Amino acid sequence: MIYSLNGTLVHSGQGFVVIECGGVGYKCLVTMNTLRTLPKTGEKTMLYTHMLVREDAVELCGFATTDEMNCFRLLISISGVGAKVAIAILSELKPEQLALAVSMGDSKMLTKASGVGNKLAQRIILEMKDKIKKLGIASEAAPSGAPSAAVVSATVNISQAIGALAVLGYTPDDVMPFMTDIDPDMSVEQIIAQTLRAIGKKN
């Protein structure tokens, strides 16, 4: 299994790139979000990869981050979601946006992706939410006797962010140390993005 490629970007096309490593050019299917992060042709780059093995072909999918790769793997594990649809979803939504959409049950956000109808979007949300439940994510309800609406809002936002990060494979114990300095005025999506950046810096 090829986990990553580190080499020279020699070509980029619609939905794919070619990275040369040790004199061999590897074609990788990529999302639009990954494509936007890549350098100019001729420069060094690195992608995390997932190998697709079918009866008639073997293909590599490349991702700028492990979060995007993990989201892809989670998506293709869902009935009715193939590699093409998973790439379309991750071209439309970044990992934290996908996690938030699932956590909030926002099927309309998922239907923005090509090939995703309302029925499939609801199935994705249902199956990914099940994974959150198995991790025992705390209820989003604010505790009784909360001192102010701001505290309630901050508590709910952080709880929703924890639930969304669970979609990416992070447990509450993984993310809580990175949330100690979270600004209570931040949105759920901003909390997720900041936490992922903090985790990435540590790793």
C-alpha atoms as a PDB file:
ATOM      1  CA  MET A   1       0.000   0.000   0.000  1.00  0.00           C
ATOM      2  CA  ILE A   2       1.340   3.429  -0.962  1.00  0.00           C
ATOM      3  CA  TYR A   3       0.694   5.790   1.966  1.00  0.00           C
ATOM      4  CA  SER A   4       2.201   8.955   0.483  1.00  0.00           C
ATOM      5  CA  LEU A   5       4.120  10.392  -2.459  1.00  0.00           C
ATOM      6  CA  ASN A   6       6.917  12.923  -2.103  1.00  0.00           C
ATOM      7  CA  GLY A   7       8.337  14.182  -5.361  1.00  0.00           C
ATOM      8  CA  THR A   8       8.033  16.673  -8.208  1.00  0.00           C
ATOM      9  CA  LEU A   9       4.716  17.831  -9.613  1.00  0.00           C
ATOM     10  CA  VAL A  10       5.148  17.241 -13.358  1.00  0.00           C
ATOM     11  CA  HIS A  11       1.567  17.637 -14.573  1.00  0.00           C
ATOM     12  CA  SER A  12      -1.866  18.716 -13.358  1.00  0.00           C
ATOM     13  CA  GLY A  13      -5.159  18.233 -15.159  1.00  0.00           C
ATOM     14  CA  GLN A  14      -8.875  18.283 -14.460  1.00  0.00           C
ATOM     15  CA  GLY A  15      -9.202  16.221 -11.308  1.00  0.00           C
ATOM     16  CA  PHE A  16      -5.751  14.640 -11.348  1.00  0.00           C
ATOM     17  CA  VAL A  17      -2.036  15.316 -11.003  1.00  0.00           C
ATOM     18  CA  VAL A  18       1.163  13.435 -11.823  1.00  0.00           C
ATOM     19  CA  ILE A  19       3.965  13.335  -9.267  1.00  0.00           C
ATOM     20  CA  GLU A  20       7.366  11.995 -10.259  1.00  0.00           C
ATOM     21  CA  CYS A  21       9.181   9.994  -7.579  1.00  0.00           C
ATOM     22  CA  GLY A  22      12.477   8.292  -8.392  1.00  0.00           C
ATOM     23  CA  GLY A  23      11.923   8.608 -12.116  1.00  0.00           C
ATOM     24  CA  VAL A  24       8.397   7.170 -12.005  1.00  0.00           C
ATOM     25  CA  GLY A  25       5.334   9.347 -12.619  1.00  0.00           C
ATOM     26  CA  TYR A  26       2.372   8.503 -10.409  1.00  0.00           C
ATOM     27  CA  LYS A  27      -1.055   9.689 -11.513  1.00  0.00           C
ATOM     28  CA  CYS A  28      -3.284  10.659  -8.578  1.00  0.00           C
ATOM     29  CA  LEU A  29      -6.952  11.572  -8.614  1.00  0.00           C
ATOM     30  CA  VAL A  30      -7.369  14.662  -6.439  1.00  0.00           C
ATOM     31  CA  THR A  31     -10.089  16.906  -5.052  1.00  0.00           C
ATOM     32  CA  MET A  32     -10.348  20.524  -6.110  1.00  0.00           C
ATOM     33  CA  ASN A  33      -9.442  21.563  -2.564  1.00  0.00           C
ATOM     34  CA  THR A  34      -6.190  19.582  -2.767  1.00  0.00           C
ATOM     35  CA  LEU A  35      -5.489  20.885  -6.276  1.00  0.00           C
ATOM     36  CA  ARG A  36      -5.703  24.468  -4.998  1.00  0.00           C
ATOM     37  CA  THR A  37      -2.987  23.804  -2.398  1.00  0.00           C
ATOM     38  CA  LEU A  38      -0.416  22.357  -4.803  1.00  0.00           C
ATOM     39  CA  PRO A  39       2.619  24.314  -6.031  1.00  0.00           C
ATOM     40  CA  LYS A  40       3.494  25.134  -9.624  1.00  0.00           C
ATOM     41  CA  THR A  41       4.525  22.421 -12.082  1.00  0.00           C
ATOM     42  CA  GLY A  42       8.173  21.508 -11.568  1.00  0.00           C
ATOM     43  CA  GLU A  43       8.139  22.111  -7.822  1.00  0.00           C
ATOM     44  CA  LYS A  44       8.343  19.603  -4.988  1.00  0.00           C
ATOM     45  CA  THR A  45       5.164  18.466  -3.270  1.00  0.00           C
ATOM     46  CA  MET A  46       3.768  15.693  -1.082  1.00  0.00           C
ATOM     47  CA  LEU A  47       0.395  13.961  -1.065  1.00  0.00           C
ATOM     48  CA  TYR A  48      -1.145  11.355   1.216  1.00  0.00           C
ATOM     49  CA  THR A  49      -2.648   8.577  -0.858  1.00  0.00           C
ATOM     50  CA  HIS A  50      -5.310   5.908  -0.936  1.00  0.00           C
ATOM     51  CA  MET A  51      -5.069   3.054  -3.428  1.00  0.00           C
ATOM     52  CA  LEU A  52      -8.228   1.940  -5.205  1.00  0.00           C
ATOM     53  CA  VAL A  53      -8.072  -1.642  -6.429  1.00  0.00           C
ATOM     54  CA  ARG A  54     -10.744  -2.805  -8.864  1.00  0.00           C
ATOM     55  CA  GLU A  55     -10.992  -5.721 -11.270  1.00  0.00           C
ATOM     56  CA  ASP A  56     -10.191  -3.523 -14.251  1.00  0.00           C
ATOM     57  CA  ALA A  57      -7.910  -0.883 -12.752  1.00  0.00           C
ATOM     58  CA  VAL A  58      -5.671   0.253  -9.912  1.00  0.00           C
ATOM     59  CA  GLU A  59      -5.742   3.972  -9.148  1.00  0.00           C
ATOM     60  CA  LEU A  60      -4.251   6.321  -6.585  1.00  0.00           C
ATOM     61  CA  CYS A  61      -6.162   9.139  -4.917  1.00  0.00           C
ATOM     62  CA  GLY A  62      -4.068  11.948  -3.462  1.00  0.00           C
ATOM     63  CA  PHE A  63      -4.872  14.296  -0.595  1.00  0.00           C
ATOM     64  CA  ALA A  64      -3.207  17.388   0.827  1.00  0.00           C
ATOM     65  CA  THR A  65      -3.982  16.407   4.439  1.00  0.00           C
ATOM     66  CA  THR A  66      -4.588  13.247   6.456  1.00  0.00           C
ATOM     67  CA  ASP A  67      -7.967  14.686   7.483  1.00  0.00           C
ATOM     68  CA  GLU A  68      -9.075  14.804   3.855  1.00  0.00           C
ATOM     69  CA  MET A  69      -7.757  11.273   3.286  1.00  0.00           C
ATOM     70  CA  ASN A  70      -9.594   9.974   6.361  1.00  0.00           C
ATOM     71  CA  CYS A  71     -12.806  11.661   5.234  1.00  0.00           C
ATOM     72  CA  PHE A  72     -12.450  10.031   1.818  1.00  0.00           C
ATOM     73  CA  ARG A  73     -11.993   6.583   3.368  1.00  0.00           C
ATOM     74  CA  LEU A  74     -14.993   7.118   5.597  1.00  0.00           C
ATOM     75  CA  LEU A  75     -17.148   8.264   2.690  1.00  0.00           C
ATOM     76  CA  ILE A  76     -16.333   5.332   0.396  1.00  0.00           C
ATOM     77  CA  SER A  77     -17.229   2.937   3.234  1.00  0.00           C
ATOM     78  CA  ILE A  78     -20.840   4.154   2.920  1.00  0.00           C
ATOM     79  CA  SER A  79     -23.178   2.235   0.613  1.00  0.00           C
ATOM     80  CA  GLY A  80     -23.740   4.135  -2.621  1.00  0.00           C
ATOM     81  CA  VAL A  81     -20.677   6.366  -2.257  1.00  0.00           C
ATOM     82  CA  GLY A  82     -17.897   5.524  -4.683  1.00  0.00           C
ATOM     83  CA  ALA A  83     -14.567   7.229  -5.176  1.00  0.00           C
ATOM     84  CA  LYS A  84     -15.972   9.656  -7.773  1.00  0.00           C
ATOM     85  CA  VAL A  85     -18.725  10.867  -5.446  1.00  0.00           C
ATOM     86  CA  ALA A  86     -16.382  11.048  -2.449  1.00  0.00           C
ATOM     87  CA  ILE A  87     -13.956  13.212  -4.434  1.00  0.00           C
ATOM     88  CA  ALA A  88     -16.850  15.411  -5.584  1.00  0.00           C
ATOM     89  CA  ILE A  89     -17.953  15.925  -1.973  1.00  0.00           C
ATOM     90  CA  LEU A  90     -14.432  16.760  -0.806  1.00  0.00           C
ATOM     91  CA  SER A  91     -14.005  19.106  -3.778  1.00  0.00           C
ATOM     92  CA  GLU A  92     -17.029  21.032  -2.539  1.00  0.00           C
ATOM     93  CA  LEU A  93     -16.418  20.774   1.215  1.00  0.00           C
ATOM     94  CA  LYS A  94     -13.261  20.844   3.303  1.00  0.00           C
ATOM     95  CA  PRO A  95     -12.993  18.147   6.016  1.00  0.00           C
ATOM     96  CA  GLU A  96     -14.137  20.477   8.786  1.00  0.00           C
ATOM     97  CA  GLN A  97     -17.084  21.649   6.664  1.00  0.00           C
ATOM     98  CA  LEU A  98     -18.100  18.052   5.937  1.00  0.00           C
ATOM     99  CA  ALA A  99     -17.808  17.157   9.611  1.00  0.00           C
ATOM    100  CA  LEU A 100     -19.928  20.150  10.571  1.00  0.00           C
ATOM    101  CA  ALA A 101     -22.588  19.343   7.944  1.00  0.00           C
ATOM    102  CA  VAL A 102     -22.886  15.796   9.286  1.00  0.00           C
ATOM    103  CA  SER A 103     -22.929  16.923  12.891  1.00  0.00           C
ATOM    104  CA  MET A 104     -25.670  19.481  12.151  1.00  0.00           C
ATOM    105  CA  GLY A 105     -27.631  17.153   9.845  1.00  0.00           C
ATOM    106  CA  ASP A 106     -27.319  19.642   6.978  1.00  0.00           C
ATOM    107  CA  SER A 107     -28.102  17.509   3.903  1.00  0.00           C
ATOM    108  CA  LYS A 108     -28.419  20.583   1.661  1.00  0.00           C
ATOM    109  CA  MET A 109     -24.721  21.312   2.108  1.00  0.00           C
ATOM    110  CA  LEU A 110     -23.870  17.812   0.880  1.00  0.00           C
ATOM    111  CA  THR A 111     -26.153  18.051  -2.165  1.00  0.00           C
ATOM    112  CA  LYS A 112     -23.966  20.869  -3.503  1.00  0.00           C
ATOM    113  CA  ALA A 113     -21.555  18.150  -4.614  1.00  0.00           C
ATOM    114  CA  SER A 114     -22.011  16.640  -8.074  1.00  0.00           C
ATOM    115  CA  GLY A 115     -23.744  13.267  -7.966  1.00  0.00           C
ATOM    116  CA  VAL A 116     -25.178  13.686  -4.469  1.00  0.00           C
ATOM    117  CA  GLY A 117     -28.961  13.763  -4.251  1.00  0.00           C
ATOM    118  CA  ASN A 118     -31.012  14.355  -1.146  1.00  0.00           C
ATOM    119  CA  LYS A 119     -31.496  10.635  -0.451  1.00  0.00           C
ATOM    120  CA  LEU A 120     -27.766   9.886  -0.613  1.00  0.00           C
ATOM    121  CA  ALA A 121     -26.953  12.978   1.459  1.00  0.00           C
ATOM    122  CA  GLN A 122     -29.299  11.792   4.200  1.00  0.00           C
ATOM    123  CA  ARG A 123     -27.736   8.314   4.123  1.00  0.00           C
ATOM    124  CA  ILE A 124     -24.245   9.822   4.498  1.00  0.00           C
ATOM    125  CA  ILE A 125     -25.378  11.871   7.480  1.00  0.00           C
ATOM    126  CA  LEU A 126     -27.109   8.900   9.091  1.00  0.00           C
ATOM    127  CA  GLU A 127     -24.159   6.533   8.765  1.00  0.00           C
ATOM    128  CA  MET A 128     -21.543   9.085   9.790  1.00  0.00           C
ATOM    129  CA  LYS A 129     -23.598  10.225  12.763  1.00  0.00           C
ATOM    130  CA  ASP A 130     -23.741   6.626  13.969  1.00  0.00           C
ATOM    131  CA  LYS A 131     -19.981   6.719  14.299  1.00  0.00           C
ATOM    132  CA  ILE A 132     -20.266   9.794  16.515  1.00  0.00           C
ATOM    133  CA  LYS A 133     -22.805   8.078  18.749  1.00  0.00           C
ATOM    134  CA  LYS A 134     -20.533   5.067  19.215  1.00  0.00           C
ATOM    135  CA  LEU A 135     -17.886   7.410  20.616  1.00  0.00           C
ATOM    136  CA  GLY A 136     -20.310   8.616  23.283  1.00  0.00           C
ATOM    137  CA  ILE A 137     -20.265  12.293  22.383  1.00  0.00           C
ATOM    138  CA  ALA A 138     -21.944  14.392  25.061  1.00  0.00           C
ATOM    139  CA  SER A 139     -25.348  15.935  24.473  1.00  0.00           C
ATOM    140  CA  GLU A 140     -25.419  19.401  22.961  1.00  0.00           C
ATOM    141  CA  ALA A 141     -27.947  20.550  25.528  1.00  0.00           C
ATOM    142  CA  ALA A 142     -26.642  23.327  27.771  1.00  0.00           C
ATOM    143  CA  PRO A 143     -26.359  22.500  31.502  1.00  0.00           C
ATOM    144  CA  SER A 144     -29.109  23.771  33.757  1.00  0.00           C
ATOM    145  CA  GLY A 145     -28.265  26.906  35.651  1.00  0.00           C
ATOM    146  CA  ALA A 146     -25.864  28.194  33.029  1.00  0.00           C
ATOM    147  CA  PRO A 147     -24.929  31.755  33.965  1.00  0.00           C
ATOM    148  CA  SER A 148     -25.524  33.414  30.604  1.00  0.00           C
ATOM    149  CA  ALA A 149     -26.569  32.951  26.976  1.00  0.00           C
ATOM    150  CA  ALA A 150     -22.928  33.437  25.925  1.00  0.00           C
ATOM    151  CA  VAL A 151     -21.809  30.540  28.099  1.00  0.00           C
ATOM    152  CA  VAL A 152     -24.611  28.371  26.714  1.00  0.00           C
ATOM    153  CA  SER A 153     -23.640  29.283  23.152  1.00  0.00           C
ATOM    154  CA  ALA A 154     -19.958  28.537  23.794  1.00  0.00           C
ATOM    155  CA  THR A 155     -20.807  25.193  25.413  1.00  0.00           C
ATOM    156  CA  VAL A 156     -23.041  24.163  22.510  1.00  0.00           C
ATOM    157  CA  ASN A 157     -20.513  25.293  19.886  1.00  0.00           C
ATOM    158  CA  ILE A 158     -17.681  23.344  21.495  1.00  0.00           C
ATOM    159  CA  SER A 159     -19.904  20.283  21.904  1.00  0.00           C
ATOM    160  CA  GLN A 160     -20.887  20.465  18.229  1.00  0.00           C
ATOM    161  CA  ALA A 161     -17.238  20.890  17.238  1.00  0.00           C
ATOM    162  CA  ILE A 162     -16.263  17.813  19.259  1.00  0.00           C
ATOM    163  CA  GLY A 163     -19.027  15.859  17.563  1.00  0.00           C
ATOM    164  CA  ALA A 164     -17.919  17.043  14.140  1.00  0.00           C
ATOM    165  CA  LEU A 165     -14.260  16.203  14.842  1.00  0.00           C
ATOM    166  CA  ALA A 166     -15.372  12.694  15.792  1.00  0.00           C
ATOM    167  CA  VAL A 167     -16.387  12.281  12.152  1.00  0.00           C
ATOM    168  CA  LEU A 168     -12.705  12.747  11.309  1.00  0.00           C
ATOM    169  CA  GLY A 169     -11.726  10.034  13.788  1.00  0.00           C
ATOM    170  CA  TYR A 170     -10.752  12.195  16.782  1.00  0.00           C
ATOM    171  CA  THR A 171     -12.034  11.261  20.243  1.00  0.00           C
ATOM    172  CA  PRO A 172     -12.926  13.915  22.863  1.00  0.00           C
ATOM    173  CA  ASP A 173      -9.684  13.067  24.696  1.00  0.00           C
ATOM    174  CA  ASP A 174      -7.740  13.768  21.483  1.00  0.00           C
ATOM    175  CA  VAL A 175      -9.175  17.245  20.911  1.00  0.00           C
ATOM    176  CA  MET A 176      -9.945  18.700  24.347  1.00  0.00           C
ATOM    177  CA  PRO A 177      -6.279  19.631  25.111  1.00  0.00           C
ATOM    178  CA  PHE A 178      -6.313  21.807  21.988  1.00  0.00           C
ATOM    179  CA  MET A 179      -9.517  23.622  22.979  1.00  0.00           C
ATOM    180  CA  THR A 180      -8.341  25.205  26.209  1.00  0.00           C
ATOM    181  CA  ASP A 181      -7.780  28.636  24.627  1.00  0.00           C
ATOM    182  CA  ILE A 182     -10.801  28.620  22.304  1.00  0.00           C
ATOM    183  CA  ASP A 183     -12.467  32.005  21.832  1.00  0.00           C
ATOM    184  CA  PRO A 184     -16.125  31.571  22.929  1.00  0.00           C
ATOM    185  CA  ASP A 185     -17.236  33.946  20.168  1.00  0.00           C
ATOM    186  CA  MET A 186     -15.910  31.646  17.434  1.00  0.00           C
ATOM    187  CA  SER A 187     -18.301  29.699  15.231  1.00  0.00           C
ATOM    188  CA  VAL A 188     -18.365  25.897  15.250  1.00  0.00           C
ATOM    189  CA  GLU A 189     -16.551  25.790  11.912  1.00  0.00           C
ATOM    190  CA  GLN A 190     -13.837  28.146  13.200  1.00  0.00           C
ATOM    191  CA  ILE A 191     -13.370  26.018  16.326  1.00  0.00           C
ATOM    192  CA  ILE A 192     -12.948  22.908  14.169  1.00  0.00           C
ATOM    193  CA  ALA A 193     -10.470  24.611  11.835  1.00  0.00           C
ATOM    194  CA  GLN A 194      -8.393  26.034  14.711  1.00  0.00           C
ATOM    195  CA  THR A 195      -8.315  22.678  16.501  1.00  0.00           C
ATOM    196  CA  LEU A 196      -7.193  20.849  13.349  1.00  0.00           C
ATOM    197  CA  ARG A 197      -4.431  23.412  12.807  1.00  0.00           C
ATOM    198  CA  ALA A 198      -3.255  22.967  16.409  1.00  0.00           C
ATOM    199  CA  ILE A 199      -3.245  19.178  16.079  1.00  0.00           C
ATOM    200  CA  GLY A 200      -1.356  19.433  12.777  1.00  0.00           C
ATOM    201  CA  LYS A 201       1.353  21.636  14.306  1.00  0.00           C
ATOM    202  CA  LYS A 202       1.911  19.185  17.160  1.00  0.00           C
ATOM    203  CA  ASN A 203       2.186  16.245  14.786  1.00  0.00           C
END
